[in-house]
Amino acid sequence: MNREQALSKIKKCLALAKSSNPHEAAAAMRQAQKLMAEHNLTETDVSLADVMEASAPARLNSITPWETTLAYMIAEAFGCDHLSKSSRHLTRSRDLIRKRDYVFVGIGAAPQVAGYAYDVLSRQCARDRLTHIRKQPKNCKPITKTARGDEFALGWVYGVRSLVEGFAGTERNQHLIEQYMAEHYPDLASAKVKDRAKGRNVSHNDSWEGRQAGKRAQLNRAVGGLDQRGLLA
């Protein structure tokens, strides 16, 4: 029996230890304690086993305001913590490429639902952002188009806030998540957000159009989801 199997069995025993039958409860507790001793596990280890991670791909390699705001908003709504993680991958053509993900950390199924929500909404936002960029005048500089697209996308994220918060409604177990983050990410540092719209020729109209587009975003409940809210589709 490996560590994960032991943790799973201990959790089942601890659940049985809450039985109204005193003999069943006592036997389950003894079995849980025996397994914990055999595998050198503590009550904290068992509690932290409920903390899960789920990753979703970032749309851009640089950390921009619209992406990090969307990730933060979704993490808060689903009772999760989150971080940005970069890695390098070797392609079949032997090229080294950089890949960035947002990692959601929370209890039970919440991180997976949050990661799925981020993937769905970031795709919609990136698509609408590109449409907005393509509407800019032909004589507009590429750097200005990028800035206007980012401003639009940030407005889009603010526009989708009520949809995300209304869909989620998850309670946050702050203490367990903080313990998990301290154990698994002790060297976590603040990342620098690249604001490509700062000082550029952008207007409130870019943000306003983004907010209106964000209000039209969709998160649908699927059948047979992870919990009562279901997966986002």
Protein backbone atom coordinates (compact mmCIF):
# COMPACT_ATOMS: atom_id res chain seq x y z
CA MET A 1 0.00 0.00 0.00
CA ASN A 2 1.53 3.34 -1.07
CA ARG A 3 1.08 6.71 0.63
CA GLU A 4 -1.90 7.79 -1.50
CA GLN A 5 -3.72 4.52 -0.94
CA ALA A 6 -3.06 4.74 2.79
CA LEU A 7 -4.39 8.30 2.94
CA SER A 8 -7.53 7.25 1.08
CA LYS A 9 -8.14 4.35 3.47
CA ILE A 10 -7.46 6.50 6.54
CA LYS A 11 -9.99 9.08 5.35
CA LYS A 12 -12.60 6.34 4.94
CA CYS A 13 -11.83 5.04 8.42
CA LEU A 14 -12.14 8.50 9.93
CA ALA A 15 -15.49 8.92 8.22
CA LEU A 16 -16.66 5.63 9.76
CA ALA A 17 -15.32 6.81 13.12
CA LYS A 18 -18.20 9.31 13.16
CA SER A 19 -20.72 6.46 13.12
CA SER A 20 -23.51 6.45 15.70
CA ASN A 21 -22.57 2.83 16.44
CA PRO A 22 -19.90 3.14 19.18
CA HIS A 23 -18.28 -0.24 18.39
CA GLU A 24 -18.01 0.52 14.67
CA ALA A 25 -16.70 4.03 15.41
CA ALA A 26 -14.06 2.73 17.83
CA ALA A 27 -12.88 0.01 15.43
CA ALA A 28 -12.61 2.52 12.57
CA MET A 29 -10.62 4.95 14.70
CA ARG A 30 -8.22 2.20 15.79
CA GLN A 31 -7.70 1.19 12.17
CA ALA A 32 -7.06 4.82 11.15
CA GLN A 33 -4.52 5.30 13.92
CA LYS A 34 -2.80 2.02 13.01
CA LEU A 35 -2.47 3.04 9.35
CA MET A 36 -1.19 6.49 10.30
CA ALA A 37 1.50 4.92 12.49
CA GLU A 38 2.50 2.39 9.82
CA HIS A 39 2.89 5.04 7.12
CA ASN A 40 4.26 7.79 9.39
CA LEU A 41 1.31 10.06 8.68
CA THR A 42 -0.13 12.80 10.89
CA GLU A 43 -3.60 14.29 11.13
CA THR A 44 -2.28 17.28 9.17
CA ASP A 45 -1.14 14.97 6.36
CA VAL A 46 -4.63 13.49 6.20
CA SER A 47 -6.27 16.93 6.16
CA LEU A 48 -3.91 18.24 3.46
CA ALA A 49 -4.81 15.25 1.28
CA ASP A 50 -8.07 17.09 0.54
CA VAL A 51 -6.12 19.96 -1.04
CA MET A 52 -5.87 19.53 -4.81
CA GLU A 53 -4.26 21.33 -7.76
CA ALA A 54 -5.43 21.92 -11.31
CA SER A 55 -3.63 23.75 -14.11
CA ALA A 56 -4.94 25.75 -17.06
CA PRO A 57 -2.79 27.13 -19.89
CA ALA A 58 -2.13 30.87 -19.94
CA ARG A 59 -2.88 32.64 -23.21
CA LEU A 60 0.30 34.70 -23.16
CA ASN A 61 3.83 34.08 -21.91
CA SER A 62 4.05 37.53 -20.34
CA ILE A 63 1.83 38.18 -17.31
CA THR A 64 -0.65 40.85 -18.38
CA PRO A 65 -3.30 42.64 -16.28
CA TRP A 66 -6.29 41.05 -17.98
CA GLU A 67 -5.06 37.46 -17.58
CA THR A 68 -3.87 37.78 -14.00
CA THR A 69 -7.07 39.62 -13.00
CA LEU A 70 -9.20 36.87 -14.54
CA ALA A 71 -7.20 34.15 -12.75
CA TYR A 72 -7.46 36.00 -9.42
CA MET A 73 -11.20 36.57 -9.85
CA ILE A 74 -11.88 32.90 -10.60
CA ALA A 75 -9.66 31.68 -7.77
CA GLU A 76 -11.50 33.88 -5.28
CA ALA A 77 -14.92 32.83 -6.57
CA PHE A 78 -14.14 29.11 -6.26
CA GLY A 79 -12.40 29.38 -2.87
CA CYS A 80 -8.94 28.67 -4.25
CA ASP A 81 -5.47 30.12 -4.16
CA HIS A 82 -3.57 30.41 -7.44
CA LEU A 83 -0.13 30.95 -8.90
CA SER A 84 1.54 31.32 -12.28
CA LYS A 85 4.07 28.65 -13.22
CA SER A 86 6.49 28.76 -16.17
CA SER A 87 8.28 25.79 -17.65
CA ARG A 88 10.38 24.96 -20.70
CA HIS A 89 9.62 22.16 -23.14
CA LEU A 90 11.65 20.62 -25.93
CA THR A 91 9.66 20.20 -29.16
CA ARG A 92 10.10 17.40 -31.67
CA SER A 93 12.14 19.78 -33.80
CA ARG A 94 14.47 20.25 -30.80
CA ASP A 95 13.31 23.82 -30.17
CA LEU A 96 13.08 24.95 -26.55
CA ILE A 97 9.77 26.71 -25.93
CA ARG A 98 8.43 28.39 -22.81
CA LYS A 99 5.02 27.42 -21.48
CA ARG A 100 3.08 29.16 -18.72
CA ASP A 101 0.13 27.85 -16.71
CA TYR A 102 -2.14 29.14 -13.99
CA VAL A 103 -2.34 26.67 -11.12
CA PHE A 104 -5.43 26.67 -8.90
CA VAL A 105 -5.12 25.20 -5.39
CA GLY A 106 -8.18 24.37 -3.32
CA ILE A 107 -10.31 21.75 -1.62
CA GLY A 108 -11.77 18.77 -3.45
CA ALA A 109 -13.12 19.46 -6.93
CA ALA A 110 -12.94 23.27 -6.67
CA PRO A 111 -9.51 23.66 -8.36
CA GLN A 112 -10.54 21.53 -11.33
CA VAL A 113 -13.73 23.52 -11.83
CA ALA A 114 -11.79 26.79 -11.41
CA GLY A 115 -9.18 25.67 -13.96
CA TYR A 116 -11.89 24.72 -16.41
CA ALA A 117 -13.66 28.05 -15.87
CA TYR A 118 -10.40 29.89 -16.51
CA ASP A 119 -9.78 27.93 -19.71
CA VAL A 120 -13.30 28.59 -21.01
CA LEU A 121 -13.36 32.30 -20.16
CA SER A 122 -9.78 33.10 -21.19
CA ARG A 123 -10.49 31.54 -24.60
CA GLN A 124 -13.58 33.71 -25.01
CA CYS A 125 -11.71 36.81 -23.86
CA ALA A 126 -8.73 36.15 -26.14
CA ARG A 127 -11.08 35.63 -29.09
CA ASP A 128 -12.98 38.88 -28.44
CA ARG A 129 -9.71 40.73 -27.84
CA LEU A 130 -8.41 39.64 -31.25
CA THR A 131 -11.67 40.76 -32.88
CA HIS A 132 -11.29 44.19 -31.24
CA ILE A 133 -7.68 44.47 -32.43
CA ARG A 134 -8.69 43.66 -36.00
CA LYS A 135 -11.23 46.50 -35.93
CA GLN A 136 -8.50 49.11 -35.34
CA PRO A 137 -7.51 51.46 -38.21
CA LYS A 138 -4.93 50.08 -40.66
CA ASN A 139 -2.55 52.96 -39.92
CA CYS A 140 -2.59 52.11 -36.20
CA LYS A 141 0.82 50.94 -34.93
CA PRO A 142 1.03 47.26 -33.84
CA ILE A 143 2.09 48.29 -30.33
CA THR A 144 -0.99 50.55 -30.09
CA LYS A 145 -3.25 47.76 -31.33
CA THR A 146 -1.83 45.47 -28.64
CA ALA A 147 -2.39 48.11 -25.96
CA ARG A 148 -5.99 48.69 -27.06
CA GLY A 149 -6.57 44.95 -27.15
CA ASP A 150 -5.27 44.62 -23.59
CA GLU A 151 -7.45 47.50 -22.39
CA PHE A 152 -10.45 45.88 -24.06
CA ALA A 153 -9.62 42.52 -22.45
CA LEU A 154 -9.32 44.05 -18.97
CA GLY A 155 -12.75 45.63 -19.42
CA TRP A 156 -14.01 42.23 -20.59
CA VAL A 157 -12.80 40.60 -17.38
CA TYR A 158 -14.57 43.19 -15.22
CA GLY A 159 -17.70 42.62 -17.28
CA VAL A 160 -17.71 38.87 -16.55
CA ARG A 161 -17.25 39.20 -12.76
CA SER A 162 -20.92 38.85 -11.79
CA LEU A 163 -21.27 35.74 -13.98
CA VAL A 164 -18.30 34.05 -12.30
CA GLU A 165 -19.32 34.96 -8.76
CA GLY A 166 -22.93 33.91 -9.33
CA PHE A 167 -21.88 30.56 -10.74
CA ALA A 168 -19.34 29.61 -8.08
CA GLY A 169 -20.38 30.41 -4.52
CA THR A 170 -17.72 28.11 -3.01
CA GLU A 171 -16.59 28.40 0.60
CA ARG A 172 -12.84 28.79 1.09
CA ASN A 173 -10.91 26.69 3.60
CA GLN A 174 -8.14 29.25 4.04
CA HIS A 175 -6.18 27.46 6.76
CA LEU A 176 -5.66 24.20 4.86
CA ILE A 177 -4.78 25.97 1.63
CA GLU A 178 -2.22 28.17 3.37
CA GLN A 179 -0.61 25.08 4.92
CA TYR A 180 -0.48 23.38 1.53
CA MET A 181 1.03 26.43 -0.20
CA ALA A 182 3.69 26.80 2.50
CA GLU A 183 4.65 23.13 2.14
CA HIS A 184 4.60 22.84 -1.66
CA TYR A 185 5.55 26.37 -2.74
CA PRO A 186 7.83 27.78 -0.02
CA ASP A 187 9.77 29.98 -2.45
CA LEU A 188 6.77 31.55 -4.17
CA ALA A 189 7.45 35.16 -5.23
CA SER A 190 5.37 37.98 -6.66
CA ALA A 191 5.49 38.17 -10.45
CA LYS A 192 5.82 41.35 -12.45
CA VAL A 193 2.69 42.19 -14.44
CA LYS A 194 3.38 43.67 -17.86
CA ASP A 195 0.97 46.54 -18.49
CA ARG A 196 1.23 47.06 -22.24
CA ALA A 197 -1.52 49.69 -22.29
CA LYS A 198 0.23 52.10 -19.93
CA GLY A 199 1.28 55.28 -21.74
CA ARG A 200 -0.24 54.14 -25.03
CA ASN A 201 -2.97 55.63 -27.18
CA VAL A 202 -5.91 53.83 -25.60
CA SER A 203 -9.30 55.21 -24.61
CA HIS A 204 -12.17 54.47 -22.24
CA ASN A 205 -14.04 53.21 -25.27
CA ASP A 206 -11.71 50.18 -25.48
CA SER A 207 -12.47 49.29 -21.88
CA TRP A 208 -16.21 49.97 -22.28
CA GLU A 209 -16.49 47.74 -25.35
CA GLY A 210 -14.60 45.02 -23.49
CA ARG A 211 -16.93 45.25 -20.49
CA GLN A 212 -19.99 44.91 -22.72
CA ALA A 213 -18.47 41.89 -24.46
CA GLY A 214 -17.62 40.31 -21.10
CA LYS A 215 -21.24 40.61 -20.02
CA ARG A 216 -22.15 38.41 -22.98
CA ALA A 217 -19.77 35.62 -21.94
CA GLN A 218 -21.26 32.22 -21.08
CA LEU A 219 -20.65 29.54 -18.47
CA ASN A 220 -23.05 26.64 -18.84
CA ARG A 221 -23.72 23.83 -16.42
CA ALA A 222 -22.91 20.40 -17.82
CA VAL A 223 -24.60 17.13 -16.96
CA GLY A 224 -22.71 14.79 -14.60
CA GLY A 225 -20.22 17.32 -13.27
CA LEU A 226 -17.74 17.25 -10.43
CA ASP A 227 -20.22 18.39 -7.81
CA GLN A 228 -23.71 19.86 -7.66
CA ARG A 229 -22.64 22.84 -9.78
CA GLY A 230 -21.28 20.53 -12.48
CA LEU A 231 -18.48 21.19 -14.90
CA LEU A 232 -18.44 24.36 -16.94
CA ALA A 233 -18.97 23.83 -20.64
